[in-house]
């Protein structure tokens, strides 16, 4: 049986996903060019999620961010031979597994 109730009242530090060095480098490039845009919007641009980016940014800035994200993604995929969406998904699932391991306890129910 899984129990997470013991963890509900504990104060937790904010946990950030640790992306691979290639993803971090691409996000750093976007940070330099677009310093006032939140990281989640930059990640959306790197993943070519135009709808999400356009919900946050006005058209000229959204177009520039999406264009930069597309260029960085294409360069990564060619130079490093990695799929950016697959790499991001792997990093997210890895972090999710880490969090689950920290908050879930397994125990055997008592036999009556």
PDB file of N, CA and C in Angstrom:
ATOM      1  N   UNK A   1       0.846  -1.175   0.000  1.00  0.00           N
ATOM      2  CA  UNK A   1       0.000   0.000   0.000  1.00  0.00           C
ATOM      3  C   UNK A   1       0.896   1.244   0.000  1.00  0.00           C
ATOM      4  N   UNK A   2       0.508   2.303  -0.708  1.00  0.00           N
ATOM      5  CA  UNK A   2       1.278   3.535  -0.796  1.00  0.00           C
ATOM      6  C   UNK A   2       0.688   4.586   0.139  1.00  0.00           C
ATOM      7  N   UNK A   3       1.565   5.272   0.840  1.00  0.00           N
ATOM      8  CA  UNK A   3       1.095   6.295   1.766  1.00  0.00           C
ATOM      9  C   UNK A   3       1.902   7.573   1.543  1.00  0.00           C
ATOM     10  N   UNK A   4       1.214   8.677   1.282  1.00  0.00           N
ATOM     11  CA  UNK A   4       1.880   9.968   1.137  1.00  0.00           C
ATOM     12  C   UNK A   4       1.387  10.942   2.200  1.00  0.00           C
ATOM     13  N   UNK A   5       0.484  10.489   3.062  1.00  0.00           N
ATOM     14  CA  UNK A   5      -0.116  11.381   4.049  1.00  0.00           C
ATOM     15  C   UNK A   5       0.898  11.941   5.033  1.00  0.00           C
ATOM     16  N   UNK A   6       1.932  11.172   5.368  1.00  0.00           N
ATOM     17  CA  UNK A   6       2.938  11.657   6.308  1.00  0.00           C
ATOM     18  C   UNK A   6       3.654  12.890   5.785  1.00  0.00           C
ATOM     19  N   UNK A   7       3.708  13.053   4.490  1.00  0.00           N
ATOM     20  CA  UNK A   7       4.443  14.151   3.880  1.00  0.00           C
ATOM     21  C   UNK A   7       3.609  15.417   3.709  1.00  0.00           C
ATOM     22  N   UNK A   8       2.286  15.323   3.857  1.00  0.00           N
ATOM     23  CA  UNK A   8       1.436  16.452   3.507  1.00  0.00           C
ATOM     24  C   UNK A   8       1.668  17.687   4.362  1.00  0.00           C
ATOM     25  N   UNK A   9       2.087  17.540   5.602  1.00  0.00           N
ATOM     26  CA  UNK A   9       2.283  18.696   6.475  1.00  0.00           C
ATOM     27  C   UNK A   9       3.733  19.151   6.554  1.00  0.00           C
ATOM     28  N   UNK A  10       4.629  18.492   5.852  1.00  0.00           N
ATOM     29  CA  UNK A  10       6.029  18.880   5.868  1.00  0.00           C
ATOM     30  C   UNK A  10       6.259  20.035   4.906  1.00  0.00           C
ATOM     31  N   UNK A  11       7.135  20.925   5.301  1.00  0.00           N
ATOM     32  CA  UNK A  11       7.512  22.028   4.432  1.00  0.00           C
ATOM     33  C   UNK A  11       8.547  21.508   3.443  1.00  0.00           C
ATOM     34  N   UNK A  12       8.309  21.742   2.180  1.00  0.00           N
ATOM     35  CA  UNK A  12       9.217  21.277   1.145  1.00  0.00           C
ATOM     36  C   UNK A  12       9.860  22.465   0.457  1.00  0.00           C
ATOM     37  N   UNK A  13      11.122  22.312   0.096  1.00  0.00           N
ATOM     38  CA  UNK A  13      11.769  23.327  -0.705  1.00  0.00           C
ATOM     39  C   UNK A  13      11.243  23.210  -2.129  1.00  0.00           C
ATOM     40  N   UNK A  14      11.240  24.327  -2.829  1.00  0.00           N
ATOM     41  CA  UNK A  14      10.841  24.308  -4.227  1.00  0.00           C
ATOM     42  C   UNK A  14      11.839  23.454  -4.991  1.00  0.00           C
ATOM     43  N   UNK A  15      11.344  22.540  -5.769  1.00  0.00           N
ATOM     44  CA  UNK A  15      12.223  21.615  -6.490  1.00  0.00           C
ATOM     45  C   UNK A  15      12.244  21.994  -7.963  1.00  0.00           C
ATOM     46  N   UNK A  16      13.427  22.185  -8.496  1.00  0.00           N
ATOM     47  CA  UNK A  16      13.584  22.514  -9.907  1.00  0.00           C
ATOM     48  C   UNK A  16      14.087  21.293 -10.651  1.00  0.00           C
ATOM     49  N   UNK A  17      13.583  21.138 -11.843  1.00  0.00           N
ATOM     50  CA  UNK A  17      14.019  20.032 -12.701  1.00  0.00           C
ATOM     51  C   UNK A  17      15.455  20.295 -13.131  1.00  0.00           C
ATOM     52  N   UNK A  18      16.257  19.267 -13.077  1.00  0.00           N
ATOM     53  CA  UNK A  18      17.641  19.364 -13.552  1.00  0.00           C
ATOM     54  C   UNK A  18      17.684  18.837 -14.979  1.00  0.00           C
ATOM     55  N   UNK A  19      17.663  19.755 -15.920  1.00  0.00           N
ATOM     56  CA  UNK A  19      17.699  19.368 -17.326  1.00  0.00           C
ATOM     57  C   UNK A  19      19.126  19.017 -17.736  1.00  0.00           C
ATOM     58  N   UNK A  20      19.252  18.270 -18.810  1.00  0.00           N
ATOM     59  CA  UNK A  20      20.565  17.909 -19.325  1.00  0.00           C
ATOM     60  C   UNK A  20      21.346  19.178 -19.676  1.00  0.00           C
ATOM     61  N   UNK A  21      22.653  19.051 -19.761  1.00  0.00           N
ATOM     62  CA  UNK A  21      23.490  20.235 -20.022  1.00  0.00           C
ATOM     63  C   UNK A  21      23.129  20.909 -21.329  1.00  0.00           C
ATOM     64  N   UNK A  22      22.691  20.153 -22.333  1.00  0.00           N
ATOM     65  CA  UNK A  22      22.360  20.739 -23.638  1.00  0.00           C
ATOM     66  C   UNK A  22      21.094  21.584 -23.542  1.00  0.00           C
ATOM     67  N   UNK A  23      20.125  21.099 -22.792  1.00  0.00           N
ATOM     68  CA  UNK A  23      18.871  21.857 -22.610  1.00  0.00           C
ATOM     69  C   UNK A  23      19.158  23.102 -21.773  1.00  0.00           C
ATOM     70  N   UNK A  24      19.949  22.956 -20.711  1.00  0.00           N
ATOM     71  CA  UNK A  24      20.309  24.107 -19.881  1.00  0.00           C
ATOM     72  C   UNK A  24      21.035  25.170 -20.695  1.00  0.00           C
ATOM     73  N   UNK A  25      21.913  24.744 -21.570  1.00  0.00           N
ATOM     74  CA  UNK A  25      22.652  25.694 -22.405  1.00  0.00           C
ATOM     75  C   UNK A  25      21.698  26.447 -23.338  1.00  0.00           C
ATOM     76  N   UNK A  26      20.770  25.734 -23.942  1.00  0.00           N
ATOM     77  CA  UNK A  26      19.794  26.389 -24.826  1.00  0.00           C
ATOM     78  C   UNK A  26      18.938  27.378 -24.045  1.00  0.00           C
ATOM     79  N   UNK A  27      18.495  26.990 -22.840  1.00  0.00           N
ATOM     80  CA  UNK A  27      17.694  27.901 -22.018  1.00  0.00           C
ATOM     81  C   UNK A  27      18.506  29.113 -21.581  1.00  0.00           C
ATOM     82  N   UNK A  28      19.784  28.927 -21.307  1.00  0.00           N
ATOM     83  CA  UNK A  28      20.658  30.063 -20.958  1.00  0.00           C
ATOM     84  C   UNK A  28      20.766  31.040 -22.121  1.00  0.00           C
ATOM     85  N   UNK A  29      20.860  30.518 -23.341  1.00  0.00           N
ATOM     86  CA  UNK A  29      20.889  31.389 -24.514  1.00  0.00           C
ATOM     87  C   UNK A  29      19.607  32.197 -24.612  1.00  0.00           C
ATOM     88  N   UNK A  30      18.477  31.564 -24.343  1.00  0.00           N
ATOM     89  CA  UNK A  30      17.201  32.287 -24.377  1.00  0.00           C
ATOM     90  C   UNK A  30      17.117  33.292 -23.230  1.00  0.00           C
ATOM     91  N   UNK A  31      17.690  32.952 -22.062  1.00  0.00           N
ATOM     92  CA  UNK A  31      17.717  33.884 -20.928  1.00  0.00           C
ATOM     93  C   UNK A  31      18.449  35.173 -21.294  1.00  0.00           C
ATOM     94  N   UNK A  32      19.538  35.013 -22.011  1.00  0.00           N
ATOM     95  CA  UNK A  32      20.347  36.171 -22.394  1.00  0.00           C
ATOM     96  C   UNK A  32      19.563  37.097 -23.330  1.00  0.00           C
ATOM     97  N   UNK A  33      18.873  36.505 -24.294  1.00  0.00           N
ATOM     98  CA  UNK A  33      18.148  37.296 -25.291  1.00  0.00           C
ATOM     99  C   UNK A  33      16.795  37.787 -24.782  1.00  0.00           C
ATOM    100  N   UNK A  34      16.148  36.993 -23.927  1.00  0.00           N
ATOM    101  CA  UNK A  34      14.808  37.320 -23.429  1.00  0.00           C
ATOM    102  C   UNK A  34      14.799  37.265 -21.896  1.00  0.00           C
ATOM    103  N   UNK A  35      15.466  38.207 -21.240  1.00  0.00           N
ATOM    104  CA  UNK A  35      15.626  38.132 -19.777  1.00  0.00           C
ATOM    105  C   UNK A  35      14.338  38.292 -18.979  1.00  0.00           C
ATOM    106  N   UNK A  36      13.322  38.904 -19.546  1.00  0.00           N
ATOM    107  CA  UNK A  36      12.100  39.172 -18.787  1.00  0.00           C
ATOM    108  C   UNK A  36      10.991  38.155 -19.014  1.00  0.00           C
ATOM    109  N   UNK A  37      11.305  37.086 -19.698  1.00  0.00           N
ATOM    110  CA  UNK A  37      10.294  36.056 -19.973  1.00  0.00           C
ATOM    111  C   UNK A  37      10.532  34.890 -19.018  1.00  0.00           C
ATOM    112  N   UNK A  38       9.466  34.369 -18.391  1.00  0.00           N
ATOM    113  CA  UNK A  38       9.620  33.261 -17.436  1.00  0.00           C
ATOM    114  C   UNK A  38      10.213  32.009 -18.096  1.00  0.00           C
ATOM    115  N   UNK A  39      10.932  31.220 -17.311  1.00  0.00           N
ATOM    116  CA  UNK A  39      11.556  30.009 -17.836  1.00  0.00           C
ATOM    117  C   UNK A  39      10.582  29.046 -18.513  1.00  0.00           C
ATOM    118  N   UNK A  40       9.377  28.919 -18.006  1.00  0.00           N
ATOM    119  CA  UNK A  40       8.409  27.983 -18.595  1.00  0.00           C
ATOM    120  C   UNK A  40       8.039  28.400 -20.015  1.00  0.00           C
ATOM    121  N   UNK A  41       7.993  29.698 -20.276  1.00  0.00           N
ATOM    122  CA  UNK A  41       7.671  30.188 -21.615  1.00  0.00           C
ATOM    123  C   UNK A  41       8.851  29.929 -22.554  1.00  0.00           C
ATOM    124  N   UNK A  42      10.063  30.086 -22.039  1.00  0.00           N
ATOM    125  CA  UNK A  42      11.255  29.788 -22.846  1.00  0.00           C
ATOM    126  C   UNK A  42      11.322  28.305 -23.178  1.00  0.00           C
ATOM    127  N   UNK A  43      10.956  27.452 -22.219  1.00  0.00           N
ATOM    128  CA  UNK A  43      10.932  26.012 -22.484  1.00  0.00           C
ATOM    129  C   UNK A  43       9.880  25.707 -23.551  1.00  0.00           C
ATOM    130  N   UNK A  44       8.744  26.355 -23.477  1.00  0.00           N
ATOM    131  CA  UNK A  44       7.704  26.152 -24.487  1.00  0.00           C
ATOM    132  C   UNK A  44       8.214  26.546 -25.871  1.00  0.00           C
ATOM    133  N   UNK A  45       8.975  27.618 -25.938  1.00  0.00           N
ATOM    134  CA  UNK A  45       9.542  28.047 -27.227  1.00  0.00           C
ATOM    135  C   UNK A  45      10.546  27.017 -27.732  1.00  0.00           C
ATOM    136  N   UNK A  46      11.360  26.480 -26.843  1.00  0.00           N
ATOM    137  CA  UNK A  46      12.335  25.460 -27.227  1.00  0.00           C
ATOM    138  C   UNK A  46      11.629  24.203 -27.746  1.00  0.00           C
ATOM    139  N   UNK A  47      10.446  23.929 -27.205  1.00  0.00           N
ATOM    140  CA  UNK A  47       9.662  22.763 -27.632  1.00  0.00           C
ATOM    141  C   UNK A  47       8.701  23.094 -28.771  1.00  0.00           C
ATOM    142  N   UNK A  48       8.770  24.323 -29.260  1.00  0.00           N
ATOM    143  CA  UNK A  48       7.934  24.806 -30.365  1.00  0.00           C
ATOM    144  C   UNK A  48       6.440  24.787 -30.034  1.00  0.00           C
ATOM    145  N   UNK A  49       6.105  25.121 -28.802  1.00  0.00           N
ATOM    146  CA  UNK A  49       4.709  25.223 -28.387  1.00  0.00           C
ATOM    147  C   UNK A  49       4.248  26.665 -28.631  1.00  0.00           C
ATOM    148  N   UNK A  50       3.937  26.950 -29.884  1.00  0.00           N
ATOM    149  CA  UNK A  50       3.589  28.312 -30.291  1.00  0.00           C
ATOM    150  C   UNK A  50       2.355  28.830 -29.560  1.00  0.00           C
ATOM    151  N   UNK A  51       1.374  27.980 -29.360  1.00  0.00           N
ATOM    152  CA  UNK A  51       0.147  28.422 -28.707  1.00  0.00           C
ATOM    153  C   UNK A  51       0.425  28.942 -27.296  1.00  0.00           C
ATOM    154  N   UNK A  52       1.242  28.219 -26.545  1.00  0.00           N
ATOM    155  CA  UNK A  52       1.574  28.645 -25.180  1.00  0.00           C
ATOM    156  C   UNK A  52       2.369  29.948 -25.193  1.00  0.00           C
ATOM    157  N   UNK A  53       3.364  30.031 -26.058  1.00  0.00           N
ATOM    158  CA  UNK A  53       4.195  31.239 -26.140  1.00  0.00           C
ATOM    159  C   UNK A  53       3.338  32.437 -26.536  1.00  0.00           C
ATOM    160  N   UNK A  54       2.454  32.256 -27.483  1.00  0.00           N
ATOM    161  CA  UNK A  54       1.605  33.366 -27.953  1.00  0.00           C
ATOM    162  C   UNK A  54       0.576  33.791 -26.924  1.00  0.00           C
ATOM    163  N   UNK A  55       0.248  32.933 -25.979  1.00  0.00           N
ATOM    164  CA  UNK A  55      -0.644  33.332 -24.887  1.00  0.00           C
ATOM    165  C   UNK A  55       0.054  34.277 -23.916  1.00  0.00           C
ATOM    166  N   UNK A  56       1.366  34.150 -23.804  1.00  0.00           N
ATOM    167  CA  UNK A  56       2.121  34.972 -22.862  1.00  0.00           C
ATOM    168  C   UNK A  56       2.700  36.231 -23.506  1.00  0.00           C
ATOM    169  N   UNK A  57       3.194  36.116 -24.724  1.00  0.00           N
ATOM    170  CA  UNK A  57       3.924  37.206 -25.377  1.00  0.00           C
ATOM    171  C   UNK A  57       3.088  37.876 -26.461  1.00  0.00           C
ATOM    172  N   UNK A  58       3.382  39.121 -26.704  1.00  0.00           N
ATOM    173  CA  UNK A  58       2.779  39.837 -27.828  1.00  0.00           C
ATOM    174  C   UNK A  58       3.434  39.339 -29.122  1.00  0.00           C
ATOM    175  N   UNK A  59       2.744  39.484 -30.256  1.00  0.00           N
ATOM    176  CA  UNK A  59       3.237  38.910 -31.522  1.00  0.00           C
ATOM    177  C   UNK A  59       4.701  39.174 -31.879  1.00  0.00           C
ATOM    178  N   UNK A  60       5.219  40.384 -31.840  1.00  0.00           N
ATOM    179  CA  UNK A  60       6.624  40.521 -32.252  1.00  0.00           C
ATOM    180  C   UNK A  60       7.577  39.726 -31.348  1.00  0.00           C
ATOM    181  N   UNK A  61       7.347  39.799 -30.041  1.00  0.00           N
ATOM    182  CA  UNK A  61       8.220  39.088 -29.107  1.00  0.00           C
ATOM    183  C   UNK A  61       8.001  37.574 -29.202  1.00  0.00           C
ATOM    184  N   UNK A  62       6.756  37.152 -29.356  1.00  0.00           N
ATOM    185  CA  UNK A  62       6.459  35.717 -29.496  1.00  0.00           C
ATOM    186  C   UNK A  62       7.142  35.152 -30.729  1.00  0.00           C
ATOM    187  N   UNK A  63       7.068  35.873 -31.833  1.00  0.00           N
ATOM    188  CA  UNK A  63       7.706  35.397 -33.068  1.00  0.00           C
ATOM    189  C   UNK A  63       9.220  35.291 -32.909  1.00  0.00           C
ATOM    190  N   UNK A  64       9.828  36.279 -32.268  1.00  0.00           N
ATOM    191  CA  UNK A  64      11.275  36.262 -32.063  1.00  0.00           C
ATOM    192  C   UNK A  64      11.685  35.119 -31.131  1.00  0.00           C
ATOM    193  N   UNK A  65      10.917  34.914 -30.065  1.00  0.00           N
ATOM    194  CA  UNK A  65      11.215  33.842 -29.119  1.00  0.00           C
ATOM    195  C   UNK A  65      11.054  32.471 -29.779  1.00  0.00           C
ATOM    196  N   UNK A  66       9.967  32.285 -30.515  1.00  0.00           N
ATOM    197  CA  UNK A  66       9.747  31.007 -31.206  1.00  0.00           C
ATOM    198  C   UNK A  66      10.830  30.746 -32.250  1.00  0.00           C
ATOM    199  N   UNK A  67      11.227  31.775 -32.950  1.00  0.00           N
ATOM    200  CA  UNK A  67      12.280  31.637 -33.950  1.00  0.00           C
ATOM    201  C   UNK A  67      13.602  31.241 -33.296  1.00  0.00           C
ATOM    202  N   UNK A  68      13.947  31.895 -32.200  1.00  0.00           N
ATOM    203  CA  UNK A  68      15.171  31.561 -31.468  1.00  0.00           C
ATOM    204  C   UNK A  68      15.104  30.137 -30.919  1.00  0.00           C
ATOM    205  N   UNK A  69      13.966  29.775 -30.347  1.00  0.00           N
ATOM    206  CA  UNK A  69      13.791  28.426 -29.812  1.00  0.00           C
ATOM    207  C   UNK A  69      13.921  27.370 -30.893  1.00  0.00           C
ATOM    208  N   UNK A  70      13.336  27.637 -32.046  1.00  0.00           N
ATOM    209  CA  UNK A  70      13.418  26.706 -33.181  1.00  0.00           C
ATOM    210  C   UNK A  70      14.862  26.521 -33.642  1.00  0.00           C
ATOM    211  N   UNK A  71      15.574  27.624 -33.756  1.00  0.00           N
ATOM    212  CA  UNK A  71      16.975  27.575 -34.193  1.00  0.00           C
ATOM    213  C   UNK A  71      17.821  26.782 -33.199  1.00  0.00           C
ATOM    214  N   UNK A  72      17.653  27.063 -31.902  1.00  0.00           N
ATOM    215  CA  UNK A  72      18.418  26.345 -30.880  1.00  0.00           C
ATOM    216  C   UNK A  72      18.086  24.853 -30.897  1.00  0.00           C
ATOM    217  N   UNK A  73      16.797  24.533 -31.006  1.00  0.00           N
ATOM    218  CA  UNK A  73      16.374  23.129 -31.027  1.00  0.00           C
ATOM    219  C   UNK A  73      16.972  22.409 -32.224  1.00  0.00           C
ATOM    220  N   UNK A  74      16.897  23.018 -33.395  1.00  0.00           N
ATOM    221  CA  UNK A  74      17.440  22.390 -34.606  1.00  0.00           C
ATOM    222  C   UNK A  74      18.950  22.189 -34.484  1.00  0.00           C
ATOM    223  N   UNK A  75      19.652  23.202 -33.977  1.00  0.00           N
ATOM    224  CA  UNK A  75      21.101  23.071 -33.795  1.00  0.00           C
ATOM    225  C   UNK A  75      21.453  21.945 -32.827  1.00  0.00           C
ATOM    226  N   UNK A  76      20.729  21.860 -31.717  1.00  0.00           N
ATOM    227  CA  UNK A  76      20.972  20.785 -30.755  1.00  0.00           C
ATOM    228  C   UNK A  76      20.752  19.418 -31.382  1.00  0.00           C
ATOM    229  N   UNK A  77      19.663  19.301 -32.109  1.00  0.00           N
ATOM    230  CA  UNK A  77      19.325  18.000 -32.683  1.00  0.00           C
ATOM    231  C   UNK A  77      20.336  17.579 -33.753  1.00  0.00           C
ATOM    232  N   UNK A  78      20.890  18.541 -34.476  1.00  0.00           N
ATOM    233  CA  UNK A  78      21.890  18.217 -35.496  1.00  0.00           C
ATOM    234  C   UNK A  78      23.256  17.968 -34.852  1.00  0.00           C
ATOM    235  N   UNK A  79      23.704  18.900 -34.009  1.00  0.00           N
ATOM    236  CA  UNK A  79      25.052  18.817 -33.438  1.00  0.00           C
ATOM    237  C   UNK A  79      25.197  17.707 -32.405  1.00  0.00           C
ATOM    238  N   UNK A  80      24.206  17.561 -31.548  1.00  0.00           N
ATOM    239  CA  UNK A  80      24.315  16.601 -30.448  1.00  0.00           C
ATOM    240  C   UNK A  80      23.597  15.282 -30.729  1.00  0.00           C
ATOM    241  N   UNK A  81      22.856  15.249 -31.830  1.00  0.00           N
ATOM    242  CA  UNK A  81      22.092  14.047 -32.203  1.00  0.00           C
ATOM    243  C   UNK A  81      21.147  13.620 -31.078  1.00  0.00           C
ATOM    244  N   UNK A  82      20.461  14.626 -30.540  1.00  0.00           N
ATOM    245  CA  UNK A  82      19.476  14.350 -29.502  1.00  0.00           C
ATOM    246  C   UNK A  82      18.140  14.941 -29.934  1.00  0.00           C
ATOM    247  N   UNK A  83      17.073  14.336 -29.490  1.00  0.00           N
ATOM    248  CA  UNK A  83      15.743  14.890 -29.691  1.00  0.00           C
ATOM    249  C   UNK A  83      15.443  15.772 -28.483  1.00  0.00           C
ATOM    250  N   UNK A  84      15.217  17.039 -28.726  1.00  0.00           N
ATOM    251  CA  UNK A  84      14.955  17.946 -27.608  1.00  0.00           C
ATOM    252  C   UNK A  84      13.687  17.540 -26.852  1.00  0.00           C
ATOM    253  N   UNK A  85      12.548  17.278 -27.523  1.00  0.00           N
ATOM    254  CA  UNK A  85      11.363  16.861 -26.760  1.00  0.00           C
ATOM    255  C   UNK A  85      11.591  15.574 -25.963  1.00  0.00           C
ATOM    256  N   UNK A  86      12.295  14.600 -26.541  1.00  0.00           N
ATOM    257  CA  UNK A  86      12.560  13.352 -25.825  1.00  0.00           C
ATOM    258  C   UNK A  86      13.481  13.589 -24.626  1.00  0.00           C
ATOM    259  N   UNK A  87      14.468  14.446 -24.790  1.00  0.00           N
ATOM    260  CA  UNK A  87      15.396  14.749 -23.698  1.00  0.00           C
ATOM    261  C   UNK A  87      14.673  15.452 -22.559  1.00  0.00           C
ATOM    262  N   UNK A  88      13.829  16.421 -22.891  1.00  0.00           N
ATOM    263  CA  UNK A  88      13.058  17.133 -21.861  1.00  0.00           C
ATOM    264  C   UNK A  88      12.117  16.167 -21.147  1.00  0.00           C
ATOM    265  N   UNK A  89      11.436  15.315 -21.899  1.00  0.00           N
ATOM    266  CA  UNK A  89      10.530  14.331 -21.288  1.00  0.00           C
ATOM    267  C   UNK A  89      11.293  13.394 -20.355  1.00  0.00           C
ATOM    268  N   UNK A  90      12.459  12.925 -20.789  1.00  0.00           N
ATOM    269  CA  UNK A  90      13.274  12.033 -19.957  1.00  0.00           C
ATOM    270  C   UNK A  90      13.661  12.733 -18.658  1.00  0.00           C
ATOM    271  N   UNK A  91      14.074  13.998 -18.764  1.00  0.00           N
ATOM    272  CA  UNK A  91      14.472  14.750 -17.576  1.00  0.00           C
ATOM    273  C   UNK A  91      13.291  14.955 -16.629  1.00  0.00           C
ATOM    274  N   UNK A  92      12.127  15.279 -17.184  1.00  0.00           N
ATOM    275  CA  UNK A  92      10.931  15.475 -16.351  1.00  0.00           C
ATOM    276  C   UNK A  92      10.505  14.190 -15.663  1.00  0.00           C
ATOM    277  N   UNK A  93      10.476  13.075 -16.389  1.00  0.00           N
ATOM    278  CA  UNK A  93      10.091  11.796 -15.791  1.00  0.00           C
ATOM    279  C   UNK A  93      11.113  11.354 -14.746  1.00  0.00           C
ATOM    280  N   UNK A  94      12.379  11.634 -14.993  1.00  0.00           N
ATOM    281  CA  UNK A  94      13.397  11.308 -13.994  1.00  0.00           C
ATOM    282  C   UNK A  94      13.179  12.069 -12.707  1.00  0.00           C
ATOM    283  N   UNK A  95      12.869  13.336 -12.818  1.00  0.00           N
ATOM    284  CA  UNK A  95      12.606  14.145 -11.626  1.00  0.00           C
ATOM    285  C   UNK A  95      11.321  13.698 -10.935  1.00  0.00           C
ATOM    286  N   UNK A  96      10.316  13.358 -11.716  1.00  0.00           N
ATOM    287  CA  UNK A  96       9.058  12.874 -11.133  1.00  0.00           C
ATOM    288  C   UNK A  96       9.308  11.603 -10.325  1.00  0.00           C
ATOM    289  N   UNK A  97      10.110  10.709 -10.864  1.00  0.00           N
ATOM    290  CA  UNK A  97      10.449   9.479 -10.144  1.00  0.00           C
ATOM    291  C   UNK A  97      11.186   9.768  -8.853  1.00  0.00           C
ATOM    292  N   UNK A  98      12.093  10.730  -8.895  1.00  0.00           N
ATOM    293  CA  UNK A  98      12.832  11.126  -7.704  1.00  0.00           C
ATOM    294  C   UNK A  98      11.874  11.655  -6.631  1.00  0.00           C
ATOM    295  N   UNK A  99      10.934  12.496  -7.036  1.00  0.00           N
ATOM    296  CA  UNK A  99       9.973  13.070  -6.085  1.00  0.00           C
ATOM    297  C   UNK A  99       9.089  11.975  -5.499  1.00  0.00           C
ATOM    298  N   UNK A 100       8.618  11.076  -6.333  1.00  0.00           N
ATOM    299  CA  UNK A 100       7.778   9.973  -5.852  1.00  0.00           C
ATOM    300  C   UNK A 100       8.538   9.145  -4.820  1.00  0.00           C
ATOM    301  N   UNK A 101       9.780   8.834  -5.113  1.00  0.00           N
ATOM    302  CA  UNK A 101      10.582   8.050  -4.172  1.00  0.00           C
ATOM    303  C   UNK A 101      10.738   8.747  -2.822  1.00  0.00           C
ATOM    304  N   UNK A 102      10.738  10.076  -2.832  1.00  0.00           N
ATOM    305  CA  UNK A 102      10.911  10.826  -1.584  1.00  0.00           C
ATOM    306  C   UNK A 102       9.633  10.924  -0.766  1.00  0.00           C
ATOM    307  N   UNK A 103       8.463  10.844  -1.393  1.00  0.00           N
ATOM    308  CA  UNK A 103       7.220  11.090  -0.656  1.00  0.00           C
ATOM    309  C   UNK A 103       6.354   9.852  -0.458  1.00  0.00           C
ATOM    310  N   UNK A 104       6.667   8.763  -1.098  1.00  0.00           N
ATOM    311  CA  UNK A 104       5.828   7.580  -0.998  1.00  0.00           C
ATOM    312  C   UNK A 104       6.513   6.552  -0.123  1.00  0.00           C
ATOM    313  N   UNK A 105       5.725   6.007   0.807  1.00  0.00           N
ATOM    314  CA  UNK A 105       6.211   4.935   1.665  1.00  0.00           C
ATOM    315  C   UNK A 105       5.456   3.655   1.319  1.00  0.00           C
ATOM    316  N   UNK A 106       6.161   2.572   1.396  1.00  0.00           N
ATOM    317  CA  UNK A 106       5.517   1.277   1.138  1.00  0.00           C
ATOM    318  C   UNK A 106       5.530   0.501   2.469  1.00  0.00           C
ATOM    319  N   UNK A 107       4.403  -0.112   2.785  1.00  0.00           N
ATOM    320  CA  UNK A 107       4.385  -0.925   3.981  1.00  0.00           C
ATOM    321  C   UNK A 107       3.434  -2.088   3.745  1.00  0.00           C
ATOM    322  N   UNK A 108       3.636  -3.112   4.522  1.00  0.00           N
ATOM    323  CA  UNK A 108       2.790  -4.295   4.468  1.00  0.00           C
ATOM    324  C   UNK A 108       1.667  -4.125   5.486  1.00  0.00           C
ATOM    325  N   UNK A 109       0.423  -4.325   5.060  1.00  0.00           N
ATOM    326  CA  UNK A 109      -0.669  -4.227   6.020  1.00  0.00           C
ATOM    327  C   UNK A 109      -0.570  -5.356   7.045  1.00  0.00           C
ATOM    328  N   UNK A 110      -1.026  -5.068   8.261  1.00  0.00           N
ATOM    329  CA  UNK A 110      -1.014  -6.083   9.316  1.00  0.00           C
ATOM    330  C   UNK A 110      -2.029  -7.174   8.998  1.00  0.00           C
ATOM    331  N   UNK A 111      -1.607  -8.401   9.217  1.00  0.00           N
ATOM    332  CA  UNK A 111      -2.519  -9.521   8.996  1.00  0.00           C
ATOM    333  C   UNK A 111      -3.308  -9.755  10.276  1.00  0.00           C
ATOM    334  N   UNK A 112      -4.577  -9.924  10.096  1.00  0.00           N
ATOM    335  CA  UNK A 112      -5.457 -10.111  11.249  1.00  0.00           C
ATOM    336  C   UNK A 112      -5.695 -11.573  11.503  1.00  0.00           C
TER     337      UNK A 112
END
